[in-house]
Amino acid sequence: MDTKINALLFVLFLIIYLITVSGNCLIIYIIIVSPKLHKPMYFFLCILSILDLCYSTTALPRLLADLFSTERTISLMACSLQIYVILLVEGLECQLLVVMAYDRYIAICKPLHYPILMRWGNCYRLVALVFIISFMLCTVPSIVTPYTICYHQIIISCVSCWHSQN
């Protein structure tokens, strides 16, 4: 029975993963190929699709492999890498949504200033700023804060581990 459930879950998650990957790749391809879509709004949407690809590819292939594996353990290094990538990508996604909201605000509220404020150079700088800020806010604190393993759980701060042992 356990094998049947694992097979069903594998098929379900594989279908979801394939739809996610193909949908995001289609969005990226259409934005790159179509000259009408070479505008800041679609540029940000393309970056958002790339981030979604990174996010779904971080954990789902491992989950699919573990569904039919007898040993479902992950090394500390692989687990740490997954945590850091997910933190970084989610931080990037949230901040990119803020930039996209700013883009739409400028387009609606200041349409005459839009071509000046949202030049391609500014768009590239905004995306670079999003990457830098996300790295600083999401990844650096988690790298600086030591984590320990208590009772087969990763605890981000030593204080939490100490409280769970007492």
N, C-alpha and C. Protein backbone atom coordinates (compact mmCIF):
# COMPACT_ATOMS: atom_id res chain seq x y z
N MET A 1 0.82 -1.20 0.00
CA MET A 1 0.00 0.00 0.00
C MET A 1 0.86 1.25 0.00
N ASP A 2 1.96 1.22 0.75
CA ASP A 2 2.85 2.37 0.82
C ASP A 2 3.44 2.67 -0.56
N THR A 3 3.74 1.64 -1.33
CA THR A 3 4.29 1.83 -2.67
C THR A 3 3.26 2.46 -3.60
N LYS A 4 2.00 2.08 -3.44
CA LYS A 4 0.94 2.67 -4.27
C LYS A 4 0.77 4.16 -3.98
N ILE A 5 0.81 4.50 -2.71
CA ILE A 5 0.68 5.91 -2.32
C ILE A 5 1.87 6.69 -2.85
N ASN A 6 3.08 6.14 -2.70
CA ASN A 6 4.28 6.81 -3.21
C ASN A 6 4.21 6.98 -4.72
N ALA A 7 3.71 5.98 -5.44
CA ALA A 7 3.58 6.08 -6.89
C ALA A 7 2.57 7.16 -7.27
N LEU A 8 1.46 7.21 -6.55
CA LEU A 8 0.45 8.24 -6.80
C LEU A 8 1.01 9.63 -6.53
N LEU A 9 1.72 9.77 -5.41
CA LEU A 9 2.33 11.06 -5.08
C LEU A 9 3.40 11.45 -6.11
N PHE A 10 4.17 10.46 -6.55
CA PHE A 10 5.19 10.73 -7.56
C PHE A 10 4.57 11.27 -8.83
N VAL A 11 3.52 10.61 -9.31
CA VAL A 11 2.85 11.06 -10.54
C VAL A 11 2.25 12.45 -10.35
N LEU A 12 1.59 12.67 -9.21
CA LEU A 12 0.97 13.97 -8.94
C LEU A 12 2.02 15.09 -8.91
N PHE A 13 3.09 14.88 -8.14
CA PHE A 13 4.12 15.92 -8.05
C PHE A 13 4.90 16.08 -9.35
N LEU A 14 5.08 15.01 -10.08
CA LEU A 14 5.74 15.12 -11.38
C LEU A 14 4.91 15.94 -12.36
N ILE A 15 3.61 15.72 -12.38
CA ILE A 15 2.73 16.50 -13.25
C ILE A 15 2.76 17.98 -12.86
N ILE A 16 2.69 18.24 -11.56
CA ILE A 16 2.75 19.64 -11.10
C ILE A 16 4.08 20.28 -11.48
N TYR A 17 5.17 19.53 -11.31
CA TYR A 17 6.50 20.05 -11.63
C TYR A 17 6.64 20.31 -13.13
N LEU A 18 6.18 19.38 -13.95
CA LEU A 18 6.27 19.57 -15.41
C LEU A 18 5.42 20.73 -15.88
N ILE A 19 4.24 20.92 -15.31
CA ILE A 19 3.39 22.06 -15.67
C ILE A 19 4.07 23.37 -15.26
N THR A 20 4.66 23.38 -14.07
CA THR A 20 5.35 24.59 -13.59
C THR A 20 6.54 24.93 -14.48
N VAL A 21 7.36 23.94 -14.77
CA VAL A 21 8.55 24.19 -15.60
C VAL A 21 8.16 24.60 -17.01
N SER A 22 7.23 23.88 -17.62
CA SER A 22 6.84 24.22 -19.00
C SER A 22 6.14 25.57 -19.07
N GLY A 23 5.30 25.89 -18.09
CA GLY A 23 4.63 27.20 -18.08
C GLY A 23 5.61 28.35 -17.94
N ASN A 24 6.56 28.21 -17.03
CA ASN A 24 7.55 29.27 -16.84
C ASN A 24 8.48 29.39 -18.05
N CYS A 25 8.88 28.26 -18.61
CA CYS A 25 9.73 28.31 -19.81
C CYS A 25 8.97 28.95 -20.98
N LEU A 26 7.69 28.67 -21.09
CA LEU A 26 6.88 29.27 -22.14
C LEU A 26 6.78 30.78 -21.96
N ILE A 27 6.58 31.22 -20.74
CA ILE A 27 6.52 32.67 -20.46
C ILE A 27 7.84 33.32 -20.84
N ILE A 28 8.96 32.73 -20.42
CA ILE A 28 10.27 33.29 -20.73
C ILE A 28 10.51 33.34 -22.24
N TYR A 29 10.18 32.25 -22.92
CA TYR A 29 10.38 32.18 -24.37
C TYR A 29 9.54 33.23 -25.10
N ILE A 30 8.28 33.36 -24.74
CA ILE A 30 7.40 34.33 -25.42
C ILE A 30 7.89 35.76 -25.19
N ILE A 31 8.33 36.05 -23.98
CA ILE A 31 8.81 37.41 -23.69
C ILE A 31 10.10 37.70 -24.46
N ILE A 32 10.98 36.73 -24.58
CA ILE A 32 12.24 36.95 -25.30
C ILE A 32 12.00 37.07 -26.80
N VAL A 33 11.12 36.25 -27.35
CA VAL A 33 10.91 36.20 -28.80
C VAL A 33 10.08 37.36 -29.32
N SER A 34 9.09 37.79 -28.57
CA SER A 34 8.17 38.82 -29.05
C SER A 34 8.73 40.22 -28.79
N PRO A 35 8.99 41.00 -29.84
CA PRO A 35 9.50 42.36 -29.64
C PRO A 35 8.50 43.29 -28.95
N LYS A 36 7.21 43.02 -29.10
CA LYS A 36 6.20 43.86 -28.44
C LYS A 36 6.27 43.75 -26.93
N LEU A 37 6.83 42.67 -26.45
CA LEU A 37 6.90 42.44 -25.01
C LEU A 37 8.23 42.88 -24.41
N HIS A 38 9.04 43.59 -25.15
CA HIS A 38 10.31 44.09 -24.63
C HIS A 38 10.07 45.40 -23.91
N LYS A 39 9.37 45.30 -22.80
CA LYS A 39 9.03 46.45 -21.95
C LYS A 39 9.38 46.08 -20.53
N PRO A 40 9.59 47.08 -19.67
CA PRO A 40 10.00 46.78 -18.28
C PRO A 40 9.07 45.82 -17.55
N MET A 41 7.76 45.97 -17.73
CA MET A 41 6.82 45.09 -17.03
C MET A 41 7.08 43.62 -17.38
N TYR A 42 7.30 43.32 -18.64
CA TYR A 42 7.53 41.95 -19.07
C TYR A 42 8.94 41.47 -18.72
N PHE A 43 9.88 42.40 -18.67
CA PHE A 43 11.22 42.06 -18.20
C PHE A 43 11.17 41.56 -16.77
N PHE A 44 10.43 42.28 -15.91
CA PHE A 44 10.29 41.85 -14.52
C PHE A 44 9.52 40.53 -14.42
N LEU A 45 8.54 40.35 -15.27
CA LEU A 45 7.78 39.11 -15.29
C LEU A 45 8.68 37.93 -15.71
N CYS A 46 9.59 38.18 -16.64
CA CYS A 46 10.54 37.15 -17.06
C CYS A 46 11.46 36.77 -15.90
N ILE A 47 11.95 37.75 -15.17
CA ILE A 47 12.79 37.48 -14.00
C ILE A 47 12.00 36.70 -12.95
N LEU A 48 10.73 37.05 -12.77
CA LEU A 48 9.88 36.34 -11.82
C LEU A 48 9.69 34.88 -12.23
N SER A 49 9.56 34.62 -13.52
CA SER A 49 9.44 33.24 -14.00
C SER A 49 10.73 32.47 -13.78
N ILE A 50 11.86 33.11 -13.97
CA ILE A 50 13.15 32.46 -13.71
C ILE A 50 13.27 32.10 -12.23
N LEU A 51 12.85 33.02 -11.36
CA LEU A 51 12.89 32.75 -9.93
C LEU A 51 11.97 31.60 -9.55
N ASP A 52 10.81 31.54 -10.18
CA ASP A 52 9.88 30.44 -9.91
C ASP A 52 10.47 29.10 -10.37
N LEU A 53 11.17 29.12 -11.49
CA LEU A 53 11.88 27.91 -11.94
C LEU A 53 12.93 27.48 -10.92
N CYS A 54 13.69 28.43 -10.43
CA CYS A 54 14.72 28.12 -9.43
C CYS A 54 14.09 27.57 -8.15
N TYR A 55 13.00 28.18 -7.73
CA TYR A 55 12.36 27.76 -6.48
C TYR A 55 11.80 26.34 -6.60
N SER A 56 11.11 26.06 -7.69
CA SER A 56 10.51 24.72 -7.82
C SER A 56 11.57 23.66 -8.08
N THR A 57 12.68 24.02 -8.69
CA THR A 57 13.74 23.06 -8.98
C THR A 57 14.64 22.81 -7.76
N THR A 58 14.53 23.64 -6.75
CA THR A 58 15.36 23.46 -5.56
C THR A 58 14.97 22.23 -4.76
N ALA A 59 13.70 22.01 -4.54
CA ALA A 59 13.29 20.93 -3.64
C ALA A 59 12.54 19.79 -4.32
N LEU A 60 11.82 20.06 -5.38
CA LEU A 60 10.94 19.05 -5.95
C LEU A 60 11.66 17.85 -6.56
N PRO A 61 12.76 18.02 -7.30
CA PRO A 61 13.45 16.82 -7.81
C PRO A 61 13.94 15.90 -6.69
N ARG A 62 14.38 16.49 -5.61
CA ARG A 62 14.81 15.68 -4.46
C ARG A 62 13.63 14.91 -3.87
N LEU A 63 12.47 15.58 -3.78
CA LEU A 63 11.27 14.93 -3.29
C LEU A 63 10.87 13.77 -4.19
N LEU A 64 10.93 13.97 -5.49
CA LEU A 64 10.58 12.91 -6.43
C LEU A 64 11.52 11.72 -6.30
N ALA A 65 12.79 12.00 -6.12
CA ALA A 65 13.76 10.91 -5.95
C ALA A 65 13.54 10.17 -4.64
N ASP A 66 13.18 10.89 -3.58
CA ASP A 66 13.00 10.27 -2.28
C ASP A 66 11.72 9.44 -2.18
N LEU A 67 10.77 9.67 -3.05
CA LEU A 67 9.53 8.90 -2.99
C LEU A 67 9.76 7.42 -3.27
N PHE A 68 10.77 7.10 -4.08
CA PHE A 68 11.06 5.69 -4.37
C PHE A 68 12.38 5.23 -3.77
N SER A 69 12.95 6.03 -2.91
CA SER A 69 14.21 5.67 -2.29
C SER A 69 13.95 4.97 -0.96
N THR A 70 14.81 4.03 -0.63
CA THR A 70 14.67 3.36 0.66
C THR A 70 15.34 4.18 1.77
N GLU A 71 16.36 4.92 1.40
CA GLU A 71 17.04 5.78 2.37
C GLU A 71 16.66 7.22 2.08
N ARG A 72 15.85 7.80 2.92
CA ARG A 72 15.32 9.15 2.68
C ARG A 72 16.02 10.17 3.57
N THR A 73 17.31 10.13 3.57
CA THR A 73 18.06 11.11 4.36
C THR A 73 18.72 12.09 3.41
N ILE A 74 19.03 13.24 3.93
CA ILE A 74 19.71 14.28 3.15
C ILE A 74 20.92 14.71 3.96
N SER A 75 22.01 14.93 3.28
CA SER A 75 23.22 15.35 3.99
C SER A 75 23.04 16.76 4.54
N LEU A 76 23.82 17.07 5.53
CA LEU A 76 23.73 18.38 6.15
C LEU A 76 24.07 19.48 5.14
N MET A 77 25.05 19.23 4.28
CA MET A 77 25.43 20.21 3.28
C MET A 77 24.31 20.43 2.27
N ALA A 78 23.68 19.35 1.80
CA ALA A 78 22.59 19.48 0.84
C ALA A 78 21.39 20.17 1.46
N CYS A 79 21.10 19.85 2.72
CA CYS A 79 19.99 20.50 3.42
C CYS A 79 20.26 21.99 3.59
N SER A 80 21.48 22.32 3.98
CA SER A 80 21.85 23.74 4.15
C SER A 80 21.75 24.48 2.83
N LEU A 81 22.23 23.87 1.77
CA LEU A 81 22.15 24.50 0.46
C LEU A 81 20.71 24.73 0.04
N GLN A 82 19.85 23.75 0.27
CA GLN A 82 18.43 23.92 -0.05
C GLN A 82 17.82 25.05 0.74
N ILE A 83 18.12 25.12 2.02
CA ILE A 83 17.57 26.19 2.86
C ILE A 83 18.03 27.56 2.36
N TYR A 84 19.31 27.70 2.07
CA TYR A 84 19.83 28.99 1.63
C TYR A 84 19.28 29.40 0.27
N VAL A 85 19.16 28.46 -0.65
CA VAL A 85 18.62 28.79 -1.97
C VAL A 85 17.15 29.18 -1.86
N ILE A 86 16.38 28.45 -1.06
CA ILE A 86 14.97 28.79 -0.90
C ILE A 86 14.82 30.15 -0.24
N LEU A 87 15.62 30.43 0.79
CA LEU A 87 15.57 31.76 1.43
C LEU A 87 15.90 32.86 0.42
N LEU A 88 16.94 32.66 -0.35
CA LEU A 88 17.35 33.67 -1.32
C LEU A 88 16.29 33.89 -2.39
N VAL A 89 15.78 32.81 -2.97
CA VAL A 89 14.81 32.93 -4.05
C VAL A 89 13.50 33.54 -3.56
N GLU A 90 13.05 33.14 -2.39
CA GLU A 90 11.81 33.72 -1.86
C GLU A 90 11.98 35.20 -1.53
N GLY A 91 13.13 35.56 -0.98
CA GLY A 91 13.40 36.97 -0.74
C GLY A 91 13.45 37.77 -2.04
N LEU A 92 14.09 37.19 -3.05
CA LEU A 92 14.14 37.84 -4.35
C LEU A 92 12.74 38.02 -4.92
N GLU A 93 11.92 36.99 -4.80
CA GLU A 93 10.57 37.06 -5.36
C GLU A 93 9.74 38.14 -4.69
N CYS A 94 9.80 38.23 -3.38
CA CYS A 94 9.03 39.25 -2.65
C CYS A 94 9.48 40.65 -3.04
N GLN A 95 10.78 40.85 -3.11
CA GLN A 95 11.28 42.18 -3.45
C GLN A 95 11.05 42.51 -4.91
N LEU A 96 11.09 41.54 -5.78
CA LEU A 96 10.79 41.78 -7.19
C LEU A 96 9.33 42.17 -7.37
N LEU A 97 8.44 41.60 -6.58
CA LEU A 97 7.03 42.00 -6.62
C LEU A 97 6.86 43.46 -6.20
N VAL A 98 7.68 43.91 -5.27
CA VAL A 98 7.65 45.32 -4.88
C VAL A 98 8.11 46.20 -6.05
N VAL A 99 9.16 45.78 -6.73
CA VAL A 99 9.64 46.54 -7.90
C VAL A 99 8.59 46.55 -9.00
N MET A 100 7.91 45.43 -9.20
CA MET A 100 6.86 45.38 -10.21
C MET A 100 5.69 46.30 -9.83
N ALA A 101 5.38 46.37 -8.55
CA ALA A 101 4.33 47.29 -8.10
C ALA A 101 4.76 48.74 -8.32
N TYR A 102 6.03 49.03 -8.07
CA TYR A 102 6.55 50.38 -8.33
C TYR A 102 6.47 50.71 -9.83
N ASP A 103 6.79 49.74 -10.67
CA ASP A 103 6.70 49.93 -12.12
C ASP A 103 5.28 50.29 -12.53
N ARG A 104 4.31 49.56 -12.01
CA ARG A 104 2.90 49.83 -12.34
C ARG A 104 2.45 51.16 -11.76
N TYR A 105 2.95 51.52 -10.58
CA TYR A 105 2.61 52.82 -9.98
C TYR A 105 3.09 53.95 -10.88
N ILE A 106 4.31 53.86 -11.33
CA ILE A 106 4.86 54.89 -12.22
C ILE A 106 4.06 54.94 -13.53
N ALA A 107 3.72 53.77 -14.07
CA ALA A 107 2.99 53.72 -15.34
C ALA A 107 1.60 54.34 -15.21
N ILE A 108 0.95 54.15 -14.08
CA ILE A 108 -0.41 54.65 -13.91
C ILE A 108 -0.44 56.09 -13.41
N CYS A 109 0.36 56.39 -12.42
CA CYS A 109 0.28 57.71 -11.78
C CYS A 109 1.14 58.77 -12.45
N LYS A 110 2.20 58.39 -13.11
CA LYS A 110 3.09 59.34 -13.77
C LYS A 110 3.41 58.86 -15.18
N PRO A 111 2.40 58.76 -16.04
CA PRO A 111 2.63 58.17 -17.36
C PRO A 111 3.59 58.98 -18.23
N LEU A 112 3.65 60.28 -18.04
CA LEU A 112 4.57 61.09 -18.85
C LEU A 112 6.02 60.93 -18.41
N HIS A 113 6.22 60.60 -17.15
CA HIS A 113 7.58 60.39 -16.63
C HIS A 113 8.05 58.95 -16.78
N TYR A 114 7.13 58.06 -17.14
CA TYR A 114 7.44 56.63 -17.18
C TYR A 114 8.64 56.29 -18.08
N PRO A 115 8.71 56.81 -19.31
CA PRO A 115 9.87 56.46 -20.16
C PRO A 115 11.21 56.91 -19.58
N ILE A 116 11.19 57.96 -18.79
CA ILE A 116 12.43 58.46 -18.20
C ILE A 116 12.78 57.65 -16.94
N LEU A 117 11.77 57.41 -16.09
CA LEU A 117 12.03 56.73 -14.82
C LEU A 117 12.31 55.23 -15.00
N MET A 118 11.69 54.62 -15.99
CA MET A 118 11.85 53.18 -16.18
C MET A 118 12.65 52.85 -17.44
N ARG A 119 13.77 53.55 -17.63
CA ARG A 119 14.69 53.20 -18.72
C ARG A 119 15.29 51.83 -18.43
N TRP A 120 15.83 51.21 -19.47
CA TRP A 120 16.40 49.87 -19.30
C TRP A 120 17.54 49.85 -18.29
N GLY A 121 18.35 50.89 -18.28
CA GLY A 121 19.43 50.95 -17.30
C GLY A 121 18.89 50.95 -15.87
N ASN A 122 17.81 51.69 -15.65
CA ASN A 122 17.19 51.71 -14.33
C ASN A 122 16.58 50.36 -13.97
N CYS A 123 16.01 49.69 -14.95
CA CYS A 123 15.43 48.35 -14.70
C CYS A 123 16.53 47.37 -14.28
N TYR A 124 17.65 47.40 -14.99
CA TYR A 124 18.76 46.52 -14.64
C TYR A 124 19.30 46.84 -13.25
N ARG A 125 19.38 48.13 -12.93
CA ARG A 125 19.86 48.52 -11.61
C ARG A 125 18.89 48.08 -10.51
N LEU A 126 17.59 48.19 -10.79
CA LEU A 126 16.60 47.74 -9.80
C LEU A 126 16.70 46.24 -9.55
N VAL A 127 16.88 45.47 -10.60
CA VAL A 127 17.02 44.01 -10.43
C VAL A 127 18.31 43.69 -9.68
N ALA A 128 19.39 44.37 -10.00
CA ALA A 128 20.65 44.15 -9.28
C ALA A 128 20.50 44.52 -7.81
N LEU A 129 19.80 45.62 -7.54
CA LEU A 129 19.56 46.04 -6.16
C LEU A 129 18.71 44.99 -5.42
N VAL A 130 17.73 44.45 -6.10
CA VAL A 130 16.90 43.40 -5.51
C VAL A 130 17.76 42.19 -5.15
N PHE A 131 18.67 41.79 -6.03
CA PHE A 131 19.54 40.65 -5.75
C PHE A 131 20.45 40.95 -4.57
N ILE A 132 21.02 42.12 -4.52
CA ILE A 132 21.93 42.47 -3.42
C ILE A 132 21.19 42.54 -2.10
N ILE A 133 20.04 43.22 -2.07
CA ILE A 133 19.28 43.35 -0.83
C ILE A 133 18.77 42.00 -0.36
N SER A 134 18.31 41.18 -1.28
CA SER A 134 17.82 39.87 -0.88
C SER A 134 18.94 39.02 -0.30
N PHE A 135 20.10 39.07 -0.91
CA PHE A 135 21.23 38.33 -0.38
C PHE A 135 21.58 38.82 1.03
N MET A 136 21.58 40.14 1.20
CA MET A 136 21.93 40.71 2.50
C MET A 136 20.87 40.39 3.56
N LEU A 137 19.60 40.44 3.20
CA LEU A 137 18.53 40.25 4.18
C LEU A 137 18.18 38.79 4.44
N CYS A 138 18.32 37.96 3.45
CA CYS A 138 17.85 36.58 3.59
C CYS A 138 18.97 35.57 3.82
N THR A 139 20.07 35.73 3.16
CA THR A 139 21.10 34.71 3.22
C THR A 139 22.17 35.01 4.26
N VAL A 140 22.65 36.23 4.30
CA VAL A 140 23.74 36.57 5.23
C VAL A 140 23.36 36.30 6.69
N PRO A 141 22.16 36.72 7.17
CA PRO A 141 21.84 36.41 8.58
C PRO A 141 21.78 34.91 8.86
N SER A 142 21.31 34.14 7.90
CA SER A 142 21.23 32.70 8.15
C SER A 142 22.60 32.04 8.09
N ILE A 143 23.53 32.63 7.37
CA ILE A 143 24.90 32.09 7.35
C ILE A 143 25.64 32.49 8.62
N VAL A 144 25.43 33.73 9.06
CA VAL A 144 26.12 34.24 10.24
C VAL A 144 25.61 33.56 11.51
N THR A 145 24.29 33.34 11.60
CA THR A 145 23.71 32.69 12.77
C THR A 145 24.00 31.20 12.71
N PRO A 146 24.72 30.69 13.66
CA PRO A 146 25.02 29.27 13.61
C PRO A 146 23.77 28.44 13.89
N TYR A 147 23.66 27.33 13.21
CA TYR A 147 22.54 26.44 13.47
C TYR A 147 23.08 25.11 13.98
N THR A 148 22.29 24.47 14.77
CA THR A 148 22.68 23.19 15.32
C THR A 148 21.58 22.17 15.02
N ILE A 149 21.92 20.92 15.19
CA ILE A 149 20.95 19.86 14.97
C ILE A 149 20.56 19.28 16.32
N CYS A 150 19.27 19.35 16.62
CA CYS A 150 18.75 18.82 17.87
C CYS A 150 17.62 17.85 17.56
N TYR A 151 17.79 16.64 17.97
CA TYR A 151 16.73 15.64 17.78
C TYR A 151 16.31 15.54 16.32
N HIS A 152 17.27 15.50 15.41
CA HIS A 152 17.04 15.35 13.97
C HIS A 152 16.26 16.53 13.38
N GLN A 153 16.35 17.69 14.00
CA GLN A 153 15.74 18.89 13.46
C GLN A 153 16.82 19.96 13.38
N ILE A 154 16.76 20.76 12.34
CA ILE A 154 17.72 21.86 12.24
C ILE A 154 17.12 23.05 12.96
N ILE A 155 17.84 23.52 13.94
CA ILE A 155 17.41 24.67 14.72
C ILE A 155 18.33 25.83 14.33
N ILE A 156 17.73 26.96 13.97
CA ILE A 156 18.50 28.08 13.46
C ILE A 156 19.30 28.77 14.56
N SER A 157 18.79 28.86 15.74
CA SER A 157 19.57 29.52 16.79
C SER A 157 19.87 28.52 17.90
N CYS A 158 20.99 28.72 18.56
CA CYS A 158 21.39 27.83 19.64
C CYS A 158 20.46 27.95 20.83
N VAL A 159 19.84 29.12 21.02
CA VAL A 159 18.92 29.32 22.13
C VAL A 159 17.72 28.40 21.99
N SER A 160 17.19 28.26 20.78
CA SER A 160 16.05 27.37 20.56
C SER A 160 16.43 25.93 20.86
N CYS A 161 17.62 25.54 20.49
CA CYS A 161 18.09 24.19 20.75
C CYS A 161 18.21 23.94 22.25
N TRP A 162 18.73 24.93 22.95
CA TRP A 162 18.92 24.80 24.38
C TRP A 162 17.57 24.66 25.09
N HIS A 163 16.58 25.43 24.67
CA HIS A 163 15.25 25.37 25.26
C HIS A 163 14.58 24.03 24.94
N SER A 164 14.81 23.47 23.76
CA SER A 164 14.17 22.21 23.41
C SER A 164 14.77 21.04 24.18
N GLN A 165 16.03 21.16 24.63
CA GLN A 165 16.65 20.08 25.38
C GLN A 165 16.22 20.10 26.83
N ASN A 166 15.84 21.26 27.35
CA ASN A 166 15.46 21.37 28.79
C ASN A 166 13.99 21.20 29.00
